All heavy atoms as atom14 arrays in JSON, in Angstrom:
{
  "sequence": "MDIIKENNPHKMEILWSWVRRRPLEDCQCGQ",
  "atom14_mask": [
    [1, 1, 1, 1, 1, 1, 1, 1, 0, 0, 0, 0, 0, 0],
    [1, 1, 1, 1, 1, 1, 1, 1, 0, 0, 0, 0, 0, 0],
    [1, 1, 1, 1, 1, 1, 1, 1, 0, 0, 0, 0, 0, 0],
    [1, 1, 1, 1, 1, 1, 1, 1, 0, 0, 0, 0, 0, 0],
    [1, 1, 1, 1, 1, 1, 1, 1, 1, 0, 0, 0, 0, 0],
    [1, 1, 1, 1, 1, 1, 1, 1, 1, 0, 0, 0, 0, 0],
    [1, 1, 1, 1, 1, 1, 1, 1, 0, 0, 0, 0, 0, 0],
    [1, 1, 1, 1, 1, 1, 1, 1, 0, 0, 0, 0, 0, 0],
    [1, 1, 1, 1, 1, 1, 1, 0, 0, 0, 0, 0, 0, 0],
    [1, 1, 1, 1, 1, 1, 1, 1, 1, 1, 0, 0, 0, 0],
    [1, 1, 1, 1, 1, 1, 1, 1, 1, 0, 0, 0, 0, 0],
    [1, 1, 1, 1, 1, 1, 1, 1, 0, 0, 0, 0, 0, 0],
    [1, 1, 1, 1, 1, 1, 1, 1, 1, 0, 0, 0, 0, 0],
    [1, 1, 1, 1, 1, 1, 1, 1, 0, 0, 0, 0, 0, 0],
    [1, 1, 1, 1, 1, 1, 1, 1, 0, 0, 0, 0, 0, 0],
    [1, 1, 1, 1, 1, 1, 1, 1, 1, 1, 1, 1, 1, 1],
    [1, 1, 1, 1, 1, 1, 0, 0, 0, 0, 0, 0, 0, 0],
    [1, 1, 1, 1, 1, 1, 1, 1, 1, 1, 1, 1, 1, 1],
    [1, 1, 1, 1, 1, 1, 1, 0, 0, 0, 0, 0, 0, 0],
    [1, 1, 1, 1, 1, 1, 1, 1, 1, 1, 1, 0, 0, 0],
    [1, 1, 1, 1, 1, 1, 1, 1, 1, 1, 1, 0, 0, 0],
    [1, 1, 1, 1, 1, 1, 1, 1, 1, 1, 1, 0, 0, 0],
    [1, 1, 1, 1, 1, 1, 1, 0, 0, 0, 0, 0, 0, 0],
    [1, 1, 1, 1, 1, 1, 1, 1, 0, 0, 0, 0, 0, 0],
    [1, 1, 1, 1, 1, 1, 1, 1, 1, 0, 0, 0, 0, 0],
    [1, 1, 1, 1, 1, 1, 1, 1, 0, 0, 0, 0, 0, 0],
    [1, 1, 1, 1, 1, 1, 0, 0, 0, 0, 0, 0, 0, 0],
    [1, 1, 1, 1, 1, 1, 1, 1, 1, 0, 0, 0, 0, 0],
    [1, 1, 1, 1, 1, 1, 0, 0, 0, 0, 0, 0, 0, 0],
    [1, 1, 1, 1, 0, 0, 0, 0, 0, 0, 0, 0, 0, 0],
    [1, 1, 1, 1, 1, 1, 1, 1, 1, 0, 0, 0, 0, 0]
  ],
  "atom14_positions": [
    [[6.88, 10.73, 2.14], [6.59, 11.53, 0.96], [7.44, 11.09, -0.24], [6.97, 11.11, -1.38], [6.83, 13.02, 1.25], [5.65, 13.72, 1.85], [4.25, 13.74, 0.7], [3.08, 14.74, 1.61], [0.0, 0.0, 0.0], [0.0, 0.0, 0.0], [0.0, 0.0, 0.0], [0.0, 0.0, 0.0], [0.0, 0.0, 0.0], [0.0, 0.0, 0.0]],
    [[8.67, 10.69, 0.02], [9.52, 10.16, -1.06], [8.88, 8.93, -1.69], [8.88, 8.77, -2.92], [10.9, 9.79, -0.51], [11.87, 10.96, -0.51], [11.79, 11.78, -1.45], [12.69, 11.06, 0.41], [0.0, 0.0, 0.0], [0.0, 0.0, 0.0], [0.0, 0.0, 0.0], [0.0, 0.0, 0.0], [0.0, 0.0, 0.0], [0.0, 0.0, 0.0]],
    [[8.32, 8.07, -0.85], [7.67, 6.85, -1.35], [6.43, 7.2, -2.16], [6.17, 6.64, -3.23], [7.32, 5.92, -0.18], [8.61, 5.41, 0.5], [6.46, 4.75, -0.65], [8.37, 4.68, 1.8], [0.0, 0.0, 0.0], [0.0, 0.0, 0.0], [0.0, 0.0, 0.0], [0.0, 0.0, 0.0], [0.0, 0.0, 0.0], [0.0, 0.0, 0.0]],
    [[5.65, 8.16, -1.65], [4.42, 8.56, -2.33], [4.75, 9.21, -3.68], [4.09, 8.94, -4.69], [3.61, 9.52, -1.44], [3.09, 8.77, -0.2], [2.45, 10.15, -2.21], [2.56, 9.66, 0.89], [0.0, 0.0, 0.0], [0.0, 0.0, 0.0], [0.0, 0.0, 0.0], [0.0, 0.0, 0.0], [0.0, 0.0, 0.0], [0.0, 0.0, 0.0]],
    [[5.77, 10.06, -3.69], [6.18, 10.7, -4.94], [6.67, 9.66, -5.95], [6.35, 9.72, -7.15], [7.28, 11.72, -4.67], [7.87, 12.36, -5.93], [8.98, 13.32, -5.56], [9.7, 13.81, -6.81], [10.45, 12.72, -7.49], [0.0, 0.0, 0.0], [0.0, 0.0, 0.0], [0.0, 0.0, 0.0], [0.0, 0.0, 0.0], [0.0, 0.0, 0.0]],
    [[7.44, 8.7, -5.48], [7.95, 7.63, -6.34], [6.81, 6.8, -6.92], [6.89, 6.28, -8.03], [8.89, 6.74, -5.53], [9.49, 5.57, -6.29], [10.25, 4.64, -5.37], [10.54, 5.02, -4.21], [10.56, 3.51, -5.8], [0.0, 0.0, 0.0], [0.0, 0.0, 0.0], [0.0, 0.0, 0.0], [0.0, 0.0, 0.0], [0.0, 0.0, 0.0]],
    [[5.74, 6.66, -6.1], [4.53, 5.94, -6.52], [4.83, 4.5, -6.93], [4.26, 3.97, -7.88], [3.83, 6.67, -7.67], [2.37, 6.25, -7.8], [1.77, 5.78, -6.82], [1.8, 6.39, -8.97], [0.0, 0.0, 0.0], [0.0, 0.0, 0.0], [0.0, 0.0, 0.0], [0.0, 0.0, 0.0], [0.0, 0.0, 0.0], [0.0, 0.0, 0.0]],
    [[5.72, 3.87, -6.15], [6.01, 2.46, -6.37], [4.79, 1.65, -5.97], [4.37, 1.68, -4.81], [7.22, 2.05, -5.51], [7.59, 0.59, -5.68], [6.8, -0.3, -5.41], [8.82, 0.34, -6.11], [0.0, 0.0, 0.0], [0.0, 0.0, 0.0], [0.0, 0.0, 0.0], [0.0, 0.0, 0.0], [0.0, 0.0, 0.0], [0.0, 0.0, 0.0]],
    [[4.17, 0.91, -6.91], [2.91, 0.23, -6.6], [3.03, -0.79, -5.48], [2.09, -0.95, -4.68], [2.53, -0.43, -7.93], [3.79, -0.5, -8.73], [4.59, 0.69, -8.31], [0.0, 0.0, 0.0], [0.0, 0.0, 0.0], [0.0, 0.0, 0.0], [0.0, 0.0, 0.0], [0.0, 0.0, 0.0], [0.0, 0.0, 0.0], [0.0, 0.0, 0.0]],
    [[4.16, -1.47, -5.38], [4.32, -2.48, -4.33], [4.36, -1.84, -2.94], [3.66, -2.27, -2.02], [5.6, -3.29, -4.57], [5.59, -4.07, -5.85], [4.71, -5.11, -6.08], [6.35, -3.97, -6.96], [4.93, -5.61, -7.28], [5.91, -4.93, -7.84], [0.0, 0.0, 0.0], [0.0, 0.0, 0.0], [0.0, 0.0, 0.0], [0.0, 0.0, 0.0]],
    [[5.15, -0.78, -2.8], [5.25, -0.1, -1.5], [3.93, 0.57, -1.13], [3.51, 0.54, 0.03], [6.39, 0.91, -1.51], [7.77, 0.28, -1.53], [8.86, 1.33, -1.49], [10.24, 0.69, -1.48], [11.33, 1.71, -1.48], [0.0, 0.0, 0.0], [0.0, 0.0, 0.0], [0.0, 0.0, 0.0], [0.0, 0.0, 0.0], [0.0, 0.0, 0.0]],
    [[3.26, 1.18, -2.12], [1.99, 1.84, -1.84], [0.94, 0.82, -1.4], [0.16, 1.06, -0.46], [1.51, 2.61, -3.07], [2.37, 3.81, -3.42], [2.35, 5.11, -2.14], [0.72, 5.8, -2.42], [0.0, 0.0, 0.0], [0.0, 0.0, 0.0], [0.0, 0.0, 0.0], [0.0, 0.0, 0.0], [0.0, 0.0, 0.0], [0.0, 0.0, 0.0]],
    [[0.9, -0.34, -2.04], [-0.05, -1.37, -1.65], [0.25, -1.89, -0.25], [-0.67, -2.15, 0.54], [-0.02, -2.51, -2.66], [-0.68, -2.17, -4.0], [-0.57, -3.31, -5.0], [0.1, -4.32, -4.67], [-1.15, -3.19, -6.09], [0.0, 0.0, 0.0], [0.0, 0.0, 0.0], [0.0, 0.0, 0.0], [0.0, 0.0, 0.0], [0.0, 0.0, 0.0]],
    [[1.53, -2.01, 0.08], [1.9, -2.45, 1.43], [1.45, -1.43, 2.47], [0.86, -1.79, 3.5], [3.42, -2.68, 1.5], [3.82, -3.93, 0.7], [3.87, -2.82, 2.96], [5.3, -4.05, 0.47], [0.0, 0.0, 0.0], [0.0, 0.0, 0.0], [0.0, 0.0, 0.0], [0.0, 0.0, 0.0], [0.0, 0.0, 0.0], [0.0, 0.0, 0.0]],
    [[1.7, -0.16, 2.2], [1.29, 0.89, 3.14], [-0.23, 0.92, 3.32], [-0.73, 1.08, 4.43], [1.82, 2.24, 2.68], [3.33, 2.45, 2.86], [3.81, 3.65, 2.06], [3.67, 2.63, 4.34], [0.0, 0.0, 0.0], [0.0, 0.0, 0.0], [0.0, 0.0, 0.0], [0.0, 0.0, 0.0], [0.0, 0.0, 0.0], [0.0, 0.0, 0.0]],
    [[-0.97, 0.76, 2.23], [-2.43, 0.73, 2.35], [-2.88, -0.5, 3.13], [-3.86, -0.43, 3.88], [-3.07, 0.74, 0.96], [-3.21, 2.1, 0.36], [-2.62, 2.59, -0.76], [-4.01, 3.19, 0.87], [-2.98, 3.9, -0.99], [-3.84, 4.29, 0.0], [-4.84, 3.33, 1.98], [-4.48, 5.51, 0.2], [-5.48, 4.56, 2.19], [-5.29, 5.63, 1.3]],
    [[-2.18, -1.61, 2.99], [-2.55, -2.8, 3.77], [-2.32, -2.57, 5.25], [-3.06, -3.08, 6.1], [-1.75, -4.02, 3.29], [-0.41, -4.03, 3.75], [0.0, 0.0, 0.0], [0.0, 0.0, 0.0], [0.0, 0.0, 0.0], [0.0, 0.0, 0.0], [0.0, 0.0, 0.0], [0.0, 0.0, 0.0], [0.0, 0.0, 0.0], [0.0, 0.0, 0.0]],
    [[-1.31, -1.75, 5.6], [-1.08, -1.42, 7.0], [-2.2, -0.56, 7.55], [-2.63, -0.74, 8.69], [0.25, -0.69, 7.17], [1.45, -1.51, 6.82], [1.48, -2.83, 6.44], [2.82, -1.07, 6.82], [2.76, -3.23, 6.2], [3.61, -2.18, 6.42], [3.44, 0.13, 7.1], [5.0, -2.09, 6.32], [4.82, 0.22, 6.99], [5.59, -0.88, 6.61]],
    [[-2.67, 0.39, 6.75], [-3.79, 1.22, 7.19], [-5.02, 0.36, 7.45], [-5.77, 0.57, 8.42], [-4.1, 2.31, 6.14], [-5.4, 3.05, 6.49], [-2.94, 3.3, 6.02], [0.0, 0.0, 0.0], [0.0, 0.0, 0.0], [0.0, 0.0, 0.0], [0.0, 0.0, 0.0], [0.0, 0.0, 0.0], [0.0, 0.0, 0.0], [0.0, 0.0, 0.0]],
    [[-5.21, -0.65, 6.61], [-6.37, -1.55, 6.75], [-6.14, -2.66, 7.77], [-7.05, -3.41, 8.08], [-6.7, -2.16, 5.39], [-7.22, -1.15, 4.37], [-7.43, -1.82, 3.02], [-8.15, -0.95, 2.09], [-7.58, -0.05, 1.32], [-6.27, 0.12, 1.35], [-8.29, 0.72, 0.51], [0.0, 0.0, 0.0], [0.0, 0.0, 0.0], [0.0, 0.0, 0.0]],
    [[-4.88, -2.78, 8.26], [-4.53, -3.81, 9.24], [-4.8, -5.22, 8.71], [-5.19, -6.11, 9.45], [-5.29, -3.61, 10.56], [-5.09, -2.24, 11.21], [-3.64, -2.06, 11.67], [-3.47, -0.9, 12.51], [-3.18, 0.32, 12.06], [-3.04, 0.54, 10.77], [-3.02, 1.33, 12.89], [0.0, 0.0, 0.0], [0.0, 0.0, 0.0], [0.0, 0.0, 0.0]],
    [[-4.56, -5.4, 7.42], [-4.8, -6.71, 6.81], [-3.7, -7.02, 5.82], [-3.22, -6.11, 5.12], [-6.16, -6.73, 6.09], [-7.34, -6.8, 7.05], [-8.66, -6.54, 6.4], [-8.74, -6.68, 4.97], [-9.77, -6.22, 4.26], [-10.75, -5.58, 4.87], [-9.81, -6.38, 2.96], [0.0, 0.0, 0.0], [0.0, 0.0, 0.0], [0.0, 0.0, 0.0]],
    [[-3.3, -8.3, 5.7], [-2.27, -8.66, 4.73], [-2.7, -8.33, 3.3], [-3.91, -8.22, 3.01], [-2.13, -10.18, 4.91], [-2.64, -10.46, 6.28], [-3.72, -9.44, 6.53], [0.0, 0.0, 0.0], [0.0, 0.0, 0.0], [0.0, 0.0, 0.0], [0.0, 0.0, 0.0], [0.0, 0.0, 0.0], [0.0, 0.0, 0.0], [0.0, 0.0, 0.0]],
    [[-1.74, -8.18, 2.44], [-2.01, -7.81, 1.04], [-3.02, -8.75, 0.4], [-3.94, -8.32, -0.31], [-0.71, -7.83, 0.24], [0.2, -6.62, 0.36], [1.53, -6.9, -0.32], [-0.45, -5.39, -0.25], [0.0, 0.0, 0.0], [0.0, 0.0, 0.0], [0.0, 0.0, 0.0], [0.0, 0.0, 0.0], [0.0, 0.0, 0.0], [0.0, 0.0, 0.0]],
    [[-2.86, -10.05, 0.64], [-3.73, -11.01, -0.05], [-5.16, -10.96, 0.45], [-6.06, -11.51, -0.19], [-3.17, -12.43, 0.11], [-3.06, -12.92, 1.54], [-1.7, -12.64, 2.15], [-1.01, -11.72, 1.65], [-1.34, -13.32, 3.12], [0.0, 0.0, 0.0], [0.0, 0.0, 0.0], [0.0, 0.0, 0.0], [0.0, 0.0, 0.0], [0.0, 0.0, 0.0]],
    [[-5.4, -10.3, 1.6], [-6.75, -10.24, 2.17], [-7.51, -8.97, 1.81], [-8.63, -8.76, 2.25], [-6.7, -10.35, 3.68], [-6.27, -11.73, 4.14], [-6.24, -12.65, 3.3], [-5.96, -11.89, 5.34], [0.0, 0.0, 0.0], [0.0, 0.0, 0.0], [0.0, 0.0, 0.0], [0.0, 0.0, 0.0], [0.0, 0.0, 0.0], [0.0, 0.0, 0.0]],
    [[-6.87, -8.07, 1.06], [-7.56, -6.82, 0.74], [-7.22, -6.35, -0.65], [-6.15, -6.64, -1.19], [-7.24, -5.73, 1.76], [-5.5, -5.27, 1.83], [0.0, 0.0, 0.0], [0.0, 0.0, 0.0], [0.0, 0.0, 0.0], [0.0, 0.0, 0.0], [0.0, 0.0, 0.0], [0.0, 0.0, 0.0], [0.0, 0.0, 0.0], [0.0, 0.0, 0.0]],
    [[-8.13, -5.63, -1.22], [-7.89, -4.98, -2.52], [-7.36, -3.59, -2.2], [-8.1, -2.73, -1.72], [-9.19, -4.9, -3.34], [-9.71, -6.25, -3.77], [-8.79, -6.92, -4.78], [-8.17, -6.25, -5.6], [-8.69, -8.24, -4.7], [0.0, 0.0, 0.0], [0.0, 0.0, 0.0], [0.0, 0.0, 0.0], [0.0, 0.0, 0.0], [0.0, 0.0, 0.0]],
    [[-6.09, -3.38, -2.42], [-5.46, -2.12, -2.02], [-5.34, -1.2, -3.21], [-5.07, -1.63, -4.33], [-4.08, -2.38, -1.43], [-4.13, -3.41, 0.04], [0.0, 0.0, 0.0], [0.0, 0.0, 0.0], [0.0, 0.0, 0.0], [0.0, 0.0, 0.0], [0.0, 0.0, 0.0], [0.0, 0.0, 0.0], [0.0, 0.0, 0.0], [0.0, 0.0, 0.0]],
    [[-5.5, 0.08, -2.96], [-5.37, 1.08, -4.01], [-4.77, 2.34, -3.45], [-4.59, 2.48, -2.28], [0.0, 0.0, 0.0], [0.0, 0.0, 0.0], [0.0, 0.0, 0.0], [0.0, 0.0, 0.0], [0.0, 0.0, 0.0], [0.0, 0.0, 0.0], [0.0, 0.0, 0.0], [0.0, 0.0, 0.0], [0.0, 0.0, 0.0], [0.0, 0.0, 0.0]],
    [[-4.5, 3.25, -4.32], [-3.88, 4.51, -3.89], [-4.96, 5.52, -3.55], [-6.04, 5.46, -4.1], [-2.96, 5.01, -5.0], [-1.82, 4.01, -5.27], [-0.99, 4.43, -6.43], [-0.94, 5.6, -6.79], [-0.34, 3.51, -7.1], [0.0, 0.0, 0.0], [0.0, 0.0, 0.0], [0.0, 0.0, 0.0], [0.0, 0.0, 0.0], [0.0, 0.0, 0.0]]
  ]
}
């Protein structure tokens, strides 16, 4: 929740890439 509140774009994109099980460069990640 601290990360989500901070809304750091790099960390949020990394977390979304984990949900998608794909590296950052292989997916268009968003919040």
